[in-house]
Amino acid sequence: MFWKFVALILSIGVVGGALLTMRQLRIQAAHELGAVQRRVGERDRELWQLRIEIARAVQPAVVEARLRAMSDVPIEPLGAHHVADLWPIVSVHDGSVVEAGRY
């Protein structure tokens, strides 16, 4: 009877230790998840700051001025008459290909 009682106490201790270990691992995983989420938030803020800086530096007037300074070639906008020459237009109804400019 004594050995049964000892085995019962030891088994309860082992199960309790395993439960405490699982609880600690779950708490540690939650902590690491929170730390990762904070780092992702910081990186998102840095990314948006970089996007703002890029947007300020790539305004159409600034790009045009830099292109004019780099080249003597005249700059003209790409209009619809140029775009139509680049690829054929596909008809929506029957899927047939219509030559550019003939729509």
PDB file of N, CA and C in Angstrom:
ATOM      1  N   MET A   1       0.820  -1.187   0.000  1.00  0.00           N
ATOM      2  CA  MET A   1       0.000   0.000   0.000  1.00  0.00           C
ATOM      3  C   MET A   1       0.867   1.256   0.000  1.00  0.00           C
ATOM      4  N   PHE A   2       1.955   1.173   0.748  1.00  0.00           N
ATOM      5  CA  PHE A   2       2.873   2.301   0.832  1.00  0.00           C
ATOM      6  C   PHE A   2       3.434   2.649  -0.542  1.00  0.00           C
ATOM      7  N   TRP A   3       3.809   1.641  -1.331  1.00  0.00           N
ATOM      8  CA  TRP A   3       4.415   1.889  -2.648  1.00  0.00           C
ATOM      9  C   TRP A   3       3.393   2.449  -3.630  1.00  0.00           C
ATOM     10  N   LYS A   4       2.159   2.060  -3.471  1.00  0.00           N
ATOM     11  CA  LYS A   4       1.112   2.627  -4.312  1.00  0.00           C
ATOM     12  C   LYS A   4       0.945   4.124  -4.020  1.00  0.00           C
ATOM     13  N   PHE A   5       1.012   4.463  -2.731  1.00  0.00           N
ATOM     14  CA  PHE A   5       0.893   5.853  -2.340  1.00  0.00           C
ATOM     15  C   PHE A   5       2.069   6.679  -2.868  1.00  0.00           C
ATOM     16  N   VAL A   6       3.262   6.131  -2.800  1.00  0.00           N
ATOM     17  CA  VAL A   6       4.463   6.812  -3.324  1.00  0.00           C
ATOM     18  C   VAL A   6       4.328   6.986  -4.840  1.00  0.00           C
ATOM     19  N   ALA A   7       3.879   5.946  -5.540  1.00  0.00           N
ATOM     20  CA  ALA A   7       3.716   6.039  -6.990  1.00  0.00           C
ATOM     21  C   ALA A   7       2.665   7.093  -7.333  1.00  0.00           C
ATOM     22  N   LEU A   8       1.588   7.159  -6.560  1.00  0.00           N
ATOM     23  CA  LEU A   8       0.555   8.158  -6.788  1.00  0.00           C
ATOM     24  C   LEU A   8       1.112   9.568  -6.595  1.00  0.00           C
ATOM     25  N   ILE A   9       1.859   9.797  -5.546  1.00  0.00           N
ATOM     26  CA  ILE A   9       2.444  11.118  -5.276  1.00  0.00           C
ATOM     27  C   ILE A   9       3.421  11.488  -6.402  1.00  0.00           C
ATOM     28  N   LEU A  10       4.265  10.544  -6.819  1.00  0.00           N
ATOM     29  CA  LEU A  10       5.222  10.814  -7.886  1.00  0.00           C
ATOM     30  C   LEU A  10       4.514  11.104  -9.207  1.00  0.00           C
ATOM     31  N   SER A  11       3.477  10.349  -9.525  1.00  0.00           N
ATOM     32  CA  SER A  11       2.757  10.580 -10.780  1.00  0.00           C
ATOM     33  C   SER A  11       2.050  11.938 -10.762  1.00  0.00           C
ATOM     34  N   ILE A  12       1.494  12.319  -9.629  1.00  0.00           N
ATOM     35  CA  ILE A  12       0.865  13.645  -9.520  1.00  0.00           C
ATOM     36  C   ILE A  12       1.926  14.732  -9.699  1.00  0.00           C
ATOM     37  N   GLY A  13       3.095  14.536  -9.131  1.00  0.00           N
ATOM     38  CA  GLY A  13       4.192  15.494  -9.281  1.00  0.00           C
ATOM     39  C   GLY A  13       4.643  15.614 -10.727  1.00  0.00           C
ATOM     40  N   VAL A  14       4.745  14.486 -11.426  1.00  0.00           N
ATOM     41  CA  VAL A  14       5.163  14.497 -12.834  1.00  0.00           C
ATOM     42  C   VAL A  14       4.119  15.208 -13.683  1.00  0.00           C
ATOM     43  N   VAL A  15       2.849  14.898 -13.479  1.00  0.00           N
ATOM     44  CA  VAL A  15       1.780  15.542 -14.248  1.00  0.00           C
ATOM     45  C   VAL A  15       1.756  17.043 -13.942  1.00  0.00           C
ATOM     46  N   GLY A  16       1.910  17.416 -12.675  1.00  0.00           N
ATOM     47  CA  GLY A  16       1.943  18.835 -12.310  1.00  0.00           C
ATOM     48  C   GLY A  16       3.121  19.543 -12.960  1.00  0.00           C
ATOM     49  N   GLY A  17       4.290  18.905 -12.951  1.00  0.00           N
ATOM     50  CA  GLY A  17       5.467  19.493 -13.611  1.00  0.00           C
ATOM     51  C   GLY A  17       5.249  19.665 -15.109  1.00  0.00           C
ATOM     52  N   ALA A  18       4.634  18.679 -15.753  1.00  0.00           N
ATOM     53  CA  ALA A  18       4.361  18.762 -17.185  1.00  0.00           C
ATOM     54  C   ALA A  18       3.379  19.890 -17.477  1.00  0.00           C
ATOM     55  N   LEU A  19       2.341  20.029 -16.633  1.00  0.00           N
ATOM     56  CA  LEU A  19       1.385  21.115 -16.823  1.00  0.00           C
ATOM     57  C   LEU A  19       2.039  22.479 -16.640  1.00  0.00           C
ATOM     58  N   LEU A  20       2.898  22.603 -15.638  1.00  0.00           N
ATOM     59  CA  LEU A  20       3.604  23.871 -15.441  1.00  0.00           C
ATOM     60  C   LEU A  20       4.524  24.188 -16.619  1.00  0.00           C
ATOM     61  N   THR A  21       5.176  23.166 -17.160  1.00  0.00           N
ATOM     62  CA  THR A  21       6.047  23.364 -18.323  1.00  0.00           C
ATOM     63  C   THR A  21       5.240  23.825 -19.526  1.00  0.00           C
ATOM     64  N   MET A  22       4.097  23.187 -19.765  1.00  0.00           N
ATOM     65  CA  MET A  22       3.251  23.583 -20.889  1.00  0.00           C
ATOM     66  C   MET A  22       2.743  25.012 -20.705  1.00  0.00           C
ATOM     67  N   ARG A  23       2.379  25.373 -19.472  1.00  0.00           N
ATOM     68  CA  ARG A  23       1.901  26.728 -19.198  1.00  0.00           C
ATOM     69  C   ARG A  23       2.997  27.744 -19.455  1.00  0.00           C
ATOM     70  N   GLN A  24       4.210  27.453 -19.013  1.00  0.00           N
ATOM     71  CA  GLN A  24       5.332  28.357 -19.219  1.00  0.00           C
ATOM     72  C   GLN A  24       5.634  28.525 -20.706  1.00  0.00           C
ATOM     73  N   LEU A  25       5.585  27.439 -21.468  1.00  0.00           N
ATOM     74  CA  LEU A  25       5.831  27.522 -22.909  1.00  0.00           C
ATOM     75  C   LEU A  25       4.757  28.365 -23.601  1.00  0.00           C
ATOM     76  N   ARG A  26       3.517  28.231 -23.168  1.00  0.00           N
ATOM     77  CA  ARG A  26       2.442  29.021 -23.749  1.00  0.00           C
ATOM     78  C   ARG A  26       2.626  30.502 -23.430  1.00  0.00           C
ATOM     79  N   ILE A  27       3.023  30.826 -22.203  1.00  0.00           N
ATOM     80  CA  ILE A  27       3.272  32.219 -21.819  1.00  0.00           C
ATOM     81  C   ILE A  27       4.449  32.781 -22.606  1.00  0.00           C
ATOM     82  N   GLN A  28       5.486  31.997 -22.774  1.00  0.00           N
ATOM     83  CA  GLN A  28       6.655  32.434 -23.530  1.00  0.00           C
ATOM     84  C   GLN A  28       6.301  32.673 -25.006  1.00  0.00           C
ATOM     85  N   ALA A  29       5.484  31.800 -25.574  1.00  0.00           N
ATOM     86  CA  ALA A  29       5.069  31.967 -26.965  1.00  0.00           C
ATOM     87  C   ALA A  29       4.231  33.241 -27.125  1.00  0.00           C
ATOM     88  N   ALA A  30       3.352  33.523 -26.172  1.00  0.00           N
ATOM     89  CA  ALA A  30       2.542  34.744 -26.231  1.00  0.00           C
ATOM     90  C   ALA A  30       3.429  35.981 -26.131  1.00  0.00           C
ATOM     91  N   HIS A  31       4.436  35.917 -25.287  1.00  0.00           N
ATOM     92  CA  HIS A  31       5.374  37.031 -25.151  1.00  0.00           C
ATOM     93  C   HIS A  31       6.139  37.260 -26.458  1.00  0.00           C
ATOM     94  N   GLU A  32       6.630  36.191 -27.061  1.00  0.00           N
ATOM     95  CA  GLU A  32       7.361  36.317 -28.316  1.00  0.00           C
ATOM     96  C   GLU A  32       6.464  36.840 -29.434  1.00  0.00           C
ATOM     97  N   LEU A  33       5.203  36.405 -29.449  1.00  0.00           N
ATOM     98  CA  LEU A  33       4.254  36.888 -30.449  1.00  0.00           C
ATOM     99  C   LEU A  33       4.037  38.394 -30.296  1.00  0.00           C
ATOM    100  N   GLY A  34       3.888  38.851 -29.070  1.00  0.00           N
ATOM    101  CA  GLY A  34       3.731  40.288 -28.829  1.00  0.00           C
ATOM    102  C   GLY A  34       4.961  41.067 -29.270  1.00  0.00           C
ATOM    103  N   ALA A  35       6.152  40.532 -29.000  1.00  0.00           N
ATOM    104  CA  ALA A  35       7.382  41.211 -29.416  1.00  0.00           C
ATOM    105  C   ALA A  35       7.480  41.282 -30.932  1.00  0.00           C
ATOM    106  N   VAL A  36       7.110  40.207 -31.605  1.00  0.00           N
ATOM    107  CA  VAL A  36       7.142  40.201 -33.074  1.00  0.00           C
ATOM    108  C   VAL A  36       6.140  41.200 -33.626  1.00  0.00           C
ATOM    109  N   GLN A  37       4.954  41.260 -33.050  1.00  0.00           N
ATOM    110  CA  GLN A  37       3.946  42.205 -33.518  1.00  0.00           C
ATOM    111  C   GLN A  37       4.408  43.649 -33.315  1.00  0.00           C
ATOM    112  N   ARG A  38       5.095  43.932 -32.216  1.00  0.00           N
ATOM    113  CA  ARG A  38       5.648  45.272 -32.007  1.00  0.00           C
ATOM    114  C   ARG A  38       6.695  45.604 -33.058  1.00  0.00           C
ATOM    115  N   ARG A  39       7.577  44.630 -33.371  1.00  0.00           N
ATOM    116  CA  ARG A  39       8.600  44.874 -34.394  1.00  0.00           C
ATOM    117  C   ARG A  39       7.967  45.094 -35.760  1.00  0.00           C
ATOM    118  N   VAL A  40       6.923  44.323 -36.071  1.00  0.00           N
ATOM    119  CA  VAL A  40       6.234  44.500 -37.356  1.00  0.00           C
ATOM    120  C   VAL A  40       5.606  45.888 -37.415  1.00  0.00           C
ATOM    121  N   GLY A  41       5.004  46.332 -36.327  1.00  0.00           N
ATOM    122  CA  GLY A  41       4.425  47.674 -36.288  1.00  0.00           C
ATOM    123  C   GLY A  41       5.473  48.753 -36.500  1.00  0.00           C
ATOM    124  N   GLU A  42       6.642  48.585 -35.867  1.00  0.00           N
ATOM    125  CA  GLU A  42       7.735  49.548 -36.059  1.00  0.00           C
ATOM    126  C   GLU A  42       8.198  49.564 -37.509  1.00  0.00           C
ATOM    127  N   ARG A  43       8.334  48.400 -38.111  1.00  0.00           N
ATOM    128  CA  ARG A  43       8.770  48.321 -39.516  1.00  0.00           C
ATOM    129  C   ARG A  43       7.722  48.931 -40.445  1.00  0.00           C
ATOM    130  N   ASP A  44       6.441  48.734 -40.115  1.00  0.00           N
ATOM    131  CA  ASP A  44       5.376  49.346 -40.914  1.00  0.00           C
ATOM    132  C   ASP A  44       5.463  50.872 -40.854  1.00  0.00           C
ATOM    133  N   ARG A  45       5.701  51.397 -39.649  1.00  0.00           N
ATOM    134  CA  ARG A  45       5.842  52.850 -39.525  1.00  0.00           C
ATOM    135  C   ARG A  45       7.045  53.354 -40.315  1.00  0.00           C
ATOM    136  N   GLU A  46       8.173  52.635 -40.244  1.00  0.00           N
ATOM    137  CA  GLU A  46       9.353  53.020 -41.028  1.00  0.00           C
ATOM    138  C   GLU A  46       9.054  52.962 -42.522  1.00  0.00           C
ATOM    139  N   LEU A  47       8.334  51.920 -42.944  1.00  0.00           N
ATOM    140  CA  LEU A  47       7.989  51.777 -44.351  1.00  0.00           C
ATOM    141  C   LEU A  47       7.131  52.940 -44.827  1.00  0.00           C
ATOM    142  N   TRP A  48       6.154  53.336 -44.021  1.00  0.00           N
ATOM    143  CA  TRP A  48       5.298  54.457 -44.419  1.00  0.00           C
ATOM    144  C   TRP A  48       6.085  55.758 -44.458  1.00  0.00           C
ATOM    145  N   GLN A  49       7.035  55.931 -43.550  1.00  0.00           N
ATOM    146  CA  GLN A  49       7.881  57.132 -43.602  1.00  0.00           C
ATOM    147  C   GLN A  49       8.697  57.158 -44.892  1.00  0.00           C
ATOM    148  N   LEU A  50       9.251  56.000 -45.277  1.00  0.00           N
ATOM    149  CA  LEU A  50      10.014  55.936 -46.527  1.00  0.00           C
ATOM    150  C   LEU A  50       9.116  56.199 -47.731  1.00  0.00           C
ATOM    151  N   ARG A  51       7.893  55.685 -47.703  1.00  0.00           N
ATOM    152  CA  ARG A  51       6.962  55.937 -48.802  1.00  0.00           C
ATOM    153  C   ARG A  51       6.637  57.421 -48.910  1.00  0.00           C
ATOM    154  N   ILE A  52       6.491  58.098 -47.766  1.00  0.00           N
ATOM    155  CA  ILE A  52       6.227  59.535 -47.779  1.00  0.00           C
ATOM    156  C   ILE A  52       7.408  60.279 -48.389  1.00  0.00           C
ATOM    157  N   GLU A  53       8.628  59.903 -47.988  1.00  0.00           N
ATOM    158  CA  GLU A  53       9.812  60.551 -48.544  1.00  0.00           C
ATOM    159  C   GLU A  53       9.914  60.323 -50.051  1.00  0.00           C
ATOM    160  N   ILE A  54       9.622  59.113 -50.491  1.00  0.00           N
ATOM    161  CA  ILE A  54       9.670  58.806 -51.928  1.00  0.00           C
ATOM    162  C   ILE A  54       8.606  59.615 -52.664  1.00  0.00           C
ATOM    163  N   ALA A  55       7.416  59.692 -52.097  1.00  0.00           N
ATOM    164  CA  ALA A  55       6.343  60.448 -52.748  1.00  0.00           C
ATOM    165  C   ALA A  55       6.700  61.925 -52.870  1.00  0.00           C
ATOM    166  N   ARG A  56       7.377  62.465 -51.872  1.00  0.00           N
ATOM    167  CA  ARG A  56       7.796  63.868 -51.952  1.00  0.00           C
ATOM    168  C   ARG A  56       8.870  64.060 -53.022  1.00  0.00           C
ATOM    169  N   ALA A  57       9.757  63.073 -53.154  1.00  0.00           N
ATOM    170  CA  ALA A  57      10.863  63.201 -54.105  1.00  0.00           C
ATOM    171  C   ALA A  57      10.453  62.899 -55.535  1.00  0.00           C
ATOM    172  N   VAL A  58       9.341  62.207 -55.735  1.00  0.00           N
ATOM    173  CA  VAL A  58       8.946  61.770 -57.074  1.00  0.00           C
ATOM    174  C   VAL A  58       7.664  62.482 -57.519  1.00  0.00           C
ATOM    175  N   GLN A  59       7.586  63.744 -57.272  1.00  0.00           N
ATOM    176  CA  GLN A  59       6.464  64.520 -57.785  1.00  0.00           C
ATOM    177  C   GLN A  59       6.683  64.753 -59.274  1.00  0.00           C
ATOM    178  N   PRO A  60       5.628  64.824 -60.057  1.00  0.00           N
ATOM    179  CA  PRO A  60       5.776  64.964 -61.506  1.00  0.00           C
ATOM    180  C   PRO A  60       6.646  66.148 -61.922  1.00  0.00           C
ATOM    181  N   ALA A  61       6.506  67.267 -61.255  1.00  0.00           N
ATOM    182  CA  ALA A  61       7.304  68.438 -61.624  1.00  0.00           C
ATOM    183  C   ALA A  61       8.788  68.194 -61.364  1.00  0.00           C
ATOM    184  N   VAL A  62       9.089  67.529 -60.258  1.00  0.00           N
ATOM    185  CA  VAL A  62      10.488  67.244 -59.924  1.00  0.00           C
ATOM    186  C   VAL A  62      11.080  66.260 -60.924  1.00  0.00           C
ATOM    187  N   VAL A  63      10.326  65.219 -61.268  1.00  0.00           N
ATOM    188  CA  VAL A  63      10.805  64.226 -62.230  1.00  0.00           C
ATOM    189  C   VAL A  63      11.030  64.880 -63.590  1.00  0.00           C
ATOM    190  N   GLU A  64      10.100  65.720 -63.998  1.00  0.00           N
ATOM    191  CA  GLU A  64      10.231  66.388 -65.294  1.00  0.00           C
ATOM    192  C   GLU A  64      11.458  67.299 -65.309  1.00  0.00           C
ATOM    193  N   ALA A  65      11.678  68.028 -64.239  1.00  0.00           N
ATOM    194  CA  ALA A  65      12.855  68.906 -64.176  1.00  0.00           C
ATOM    195  C   ALA A  65      14.149  68.105 -64.245  1.00  0.00           C
ATOM    196  N   ARG A  66      14.194  66.982 -63.559  1.00  0.00           N
ATOM    197  CA  ARG A  66      15.403  66.147 -63.587  1.00  0.00           C
ATOM    198  C   ARG A  66      15.621  65.539 -64.966  1.00  0.00           C
ATOM    199  N   LEU A  67      14.540  65.108 -65.636  1.00  0.00           N
ATOM    200  CA  LEU A  67      14.670  64.554 -66.985  1.00  0.00           C
ATOM    201  C   LEU A  67      15.144  65.621 -67.967  1.00  0.00           C
ATOM    202  N   ARG A  68      14.613  66.821 -67.837  1.00  0.00           N
ATOM    203  CA  ARG A  68      15.041  67.907 -68.719  1.00  0.00           C
ATOM    204  C   ARG A  68      16.512  68.232 -68.495  1.00  0.00           C
ATOM    205  N   ALA A  69      16.974  68.163 -67.267  1.00  0.00           N
ATOM    206  CA  ALA A  69      18.376  68.450 -66.970  1.00  0.00           C
ATOM    207  C   ALA A  69      19.295  67.353 -67.500  1.00  0.00           C
ATOM    208  N   MET A  70      18.805  66.117 -67.581  1.00  0.00           N
ATOM    209  CA  MET A  70      19.642  64.989 -68.005  1.00  0.00           C
ATOM    210  C   MET A  70      19.699  64.838 -69.514  1.00  0.00           C
ATOM    211  N   SER A  71      18.694  65.304 -70.245  1.00  0.00           N
ATOM    212  CA  SER A  71      18.610  64.990 -71.655  1.00  0.00           C
ATOM    213  C   SER A  71      18.119  66.195 -72.446  1.00  0.00           C
ATOM    214  N   ASP A  72      18.515  66.232 -73.729  1.00  0.00           N
ATOM    215  CA  ASP A  72      18.041  67.277 -74.621  1.00  0.00           C
ATOM    216  C   ASP A  72      16.809  66.827 -75.393  1.00  0.00           C
ATOM    217  N   VAL A  73      16.402  65.580 -75.222  1.00  0.00           N
ATOM    218  CA  VAL A  73      15.243  65.044 -75.929  1.00  0.00           C
ATOM    219  C   VAL A  73      13.983  65.686 -75.350  1.00  0.00           C
ATOM    220  N   PRO A  74      13.102  66.182 -76.200  1.00  0.00           N
ATOM    221  CA  PRO A  74      11.885  66.813 -75.674  1.00  0.00           C
ATOM    222  C   PRO A  74      10.994  65.786 -74.975  1.00  0.00           C
ATOM    223  N   ILE A  75      10.371  66.233 -73.932  1.00  0.00           N
ATOM    224  CA  ILE A  75       9.497  65.368 -73.142  1.00  0.00           C
ATOM    225  C   ILE A  75       8.060  65.687 -73.522  1.00  0.00           C
ATOM    226  N   GLU A  76       7.329  64.676 -73.951  1.00  0.00           N
ATOM    227  CA  GLU A  76       5.914  64.857 -74.251  1.00  0.00           C
ATOM    228  C   GLU A  76       5.133  63.719 -73.613  1.00  0.00           C
ATOM    229  N   PRO A  77       3.925  64.006 -73.175  1.00  0.00           N
ATOM    230  CA  PRO A  77       3.136  62.948 -72.522  1.00  0.00           C
ATOM    231  C   PRO A  77       2.744  61.854 -73.503  1.00  0.00           C
ATOM    232  N   LEU A  78       2.619  60.674 -72.972  1.00  0.00           N
ATOM    233  CA  LEU A  78       2.192  59.529 -73.764  1.00  0.00           C
ATOM    234  C   LEU A  78       0.681  59.578 -73.851  1.00  0.00           C
ATOM    235  N   GLY A  79       0.166  60.004 -74.989  1.00  0.00           N
ATOM    236  CA  GLY A  79      -1.270  60.180 -75.155  1.00  0.00           C
ATOM    237  C   GLY A  79      -1.947  58.907 -75.614  1.00  0.00           C
ATOM    238  N   ALA A  80      -3.242  58.989 -75.784  1.00  0.00           N
ATOM    239  CA  ALA A  80      -4.023  57.825 -76.197  1.00  0.00           C
ATOM    240  C   ALA A  80      -3.643  57.364 -77.593  1.00  0.00           C
ATOM    241  N   HIS A  81      -3.230  58.291 -78.477  1.00  0.00           N
ATOM    242  CA  HIS A  81      -2.873  57.872 -79.824  1.00  0.00           C
ATOM    243  C   HIS A  81      -1.593  57.036 -79.818  1.00  0.00           C
ATOM    244  N   HIS A  82      -0.708  57.243 -78.842  1.00  0.00           N
ATOM    245  CA  HIS A  82       0.484  56.412 -78.728  1.00  0.00           C
ATOM    246  C   HIS A  82       0.164  55.062 -78.089  1.00  0.00           C
ATOM    247  N   VAL A  83      -0.693  55.068 -77.101  1.00  0.00           N
ATOM    248  CA  VAL A  83      -1.026  53.837 -76.387  1.00  0.00           C
ATOM    249  C   VAL A  83      -1.725  52.860 -77.315  1.00  0.00           C
ATOM    250  N   ALA A  84      -2.595  53.344 -78.199  1.00  0.00           N
ATOM    251  CA  ALA A  84      -3.344  52.462 -79.092  1.00  0.00           C
ATOM    252  C   ALA A  84      -2.414  51.746 -80.060  1.00  0.00           C
ATOM    253  N   ASP A  85      -1.262  52.317 -80.347  1.00  0.00           N
ATOM    254  CA  ASP A  85      -0.321  51.681 -81.261  1.00  0.00           C
ATOM    255  C   ASP A  85       0.501  50.587 -80.588  1.00  0.00           C
ATOM    256  N   LEU A  86       0.460  50.494 -79.283  1.00  0.00           N
ATOM    257  CA  LEU A  86       1.317  49.552 -78.576  1.00  0.00           C
ATOM    258  C   LEU A  86       0.762  48.136 -78.523  1.00  0.00           C
ATOM    259  N   TRP A  87      -0.535  47.942 -78.480  1.00  0.00           N
ATOM    260  CA  TRP A  87      -1.104  46.601 -78.401  1.00  0.00           C
ATOM    261  C   TRP A  87      -2.487  46.585 -79.059  1.00  0.00           C
ATOM    262  N   PRO A  88      -2.916  45.405 -79.481  1.00  0.00           N
ATOM    263  CA  PRO A  88      -4.249  45.308 -80.093  1.00  0.00           C
ATOM    264  C   PRO A  88      -5.343  45.405 -79.043  1.00  0.00           C
ATOM    265  N   ILE A  89      -6.484  45.801 -79.491  1.00  0.00           N
ATOM    266  CA  ILE A  89      -7.652  45.881 -78.619  1.00  0.00           C
ATOM    267  C   ILE A  89      -8.468  44.603 -78.793  1.00  0.00           C
ATOM    268  N   VAL A  90      -8.859  43.976 -77.712  1.00  0.00           N
ATOM    269  CA  VAL A  90      -9.648  42.741 -77.758  1.00  0.00           C
ATOM    270  C   VAL A  90     -11.113  43.092 -77.566  1.00  0.00           C
ATOM    271  N   SER A  91     -11.932  42.566 -78.453  1.00  0.00           N
ATOM    272  CA  SER A  91     -13.363  42.820 -78.359  1.00  0.00           C
ATOM    273  C   SER A  91     -13.921  42.101 -77.139  1.00  0.00           C
ATOM    274  N   VAL A  92     -14.793  42.770 -76.436  1.00  0.00           N
ATOM    275  CA  VAL A  92     -15.353  42.204 -75.213  1.00  0.00           C
ATOM    276  C   VAL A  92     -16.390  41.138 -75.517  1.00  0.00           C
ATOM    277  N   HIS A  93     -17.137  41.287 -76.597  1.00  0.00           N
ATOM    278  CA  HIS A  93     -18.264  40.404 -76.850  1.00  0.00           C
ATOM    279  C   HIS A  93     -17.850  39.028 -77.355  1.00  0.00           C
ATOM    280  N   ASP A  94     -16.988  38.976 -78.360  1.00  0.00           N
ATOM    281  CA  ASP A  94     -16.670  37.658 -78.929  1.00  0.00           C
ATOM    282  C   ASP A  94     -15.216  37.257 -78.771  1.00  0.00           C
ATOM    283  N   GLY A  95     -14.400  38.073 -78.145  1.00  0.00           N
ATOM    284  CA  GLY A  95     -13.009  37.724 -77.893  1.00  0.00           C
ATOM    285  C   GLY A  95     -12.098  37.893 -79.094  1.00  0.00           C
ATOM    286  N   SER A  96     -12.599  38.433 -80.198  1.00  0.00           N
ATOM    287  CA  SER A  96     -11.762  38.599 -81.389  1.00  0.00           C
ATOM    288  C   SER A  96     -10.826  39.780 -81.210  1.00  0.00           C
ATOM    289  N   VAL A  97      -9.693  39.738 -81.918  1.00  0.00           N
ATOM    290  CA  VAL A  97      -8.692  40.784 -81.819  1.00  0.00           C
ATOM    291  C   VAL A  97      -8.933  41.802 -82.922  1.00  0.00           C
ATOM    292  N   VAL A  98      -9.046  43.053 -82.555  1.00  0.00           N
ATOM    293  CA  VAL A  98      -9.245  44.147 -83.491  1.00  0.00           C
ATOM    294  C   VAL A  98      -7.937  44.918 -83.556  1.00  0.00           C
ATOM    295  N   GLU A  99      -7.492  45.295 -84.730  1.00  0.00           N
ATOM    296  CA  GLU A  99      -6.234  46.031 -84.846  1.00  0.00           C
ATOM    297  C   GLU A  99      -6.338  47.360 -84.130  1.00  0.00           C
ATOM    298  N   ALA A 100      -5.185  47.813 -83.646  1.00  0.00           N
ATOM    299  CA  ALA A 100      -5.138  49.065 -82.897  1.00  0.00           C
ATOM    300  C   ALA A 100      -5.591  50.211 -83.794  1.00  0.00           C
ATOM    301  N   GLY A 101      -6.345  51.112 -83.242  1.00  0.00           N
ATOM    302  CA  GLY A 101      -6.805  52.266 -83.978  1.00  0.00           C
ATOM    303  C   GLY A 101      -8.047  52.007 -84.807  1.00  0.00           C
ATOM    304  N   ARG A 102      -8.539  50.762 -84.886  1.00  0.00           N
ATOM    305  CA  ARG A 102      -9.702  50.443 -85.711  1.00  0.00           C
ATOM    306  C   ARG A 102     -10.909  50.077 -84.838  1.00  0.00           C
ATOM    307  N   TYR A 103     -11.017  50.634 -83.723  1.00  0.00           N
ATOM    308  CA  TYR A 103     -12.126  50.337 -82.832  1.00  0.00           C
ATOM    309  C   TYR A 103     -13.000  51.514 -82.805  1.00  0.00           C
TER     310      TYR A 103
END
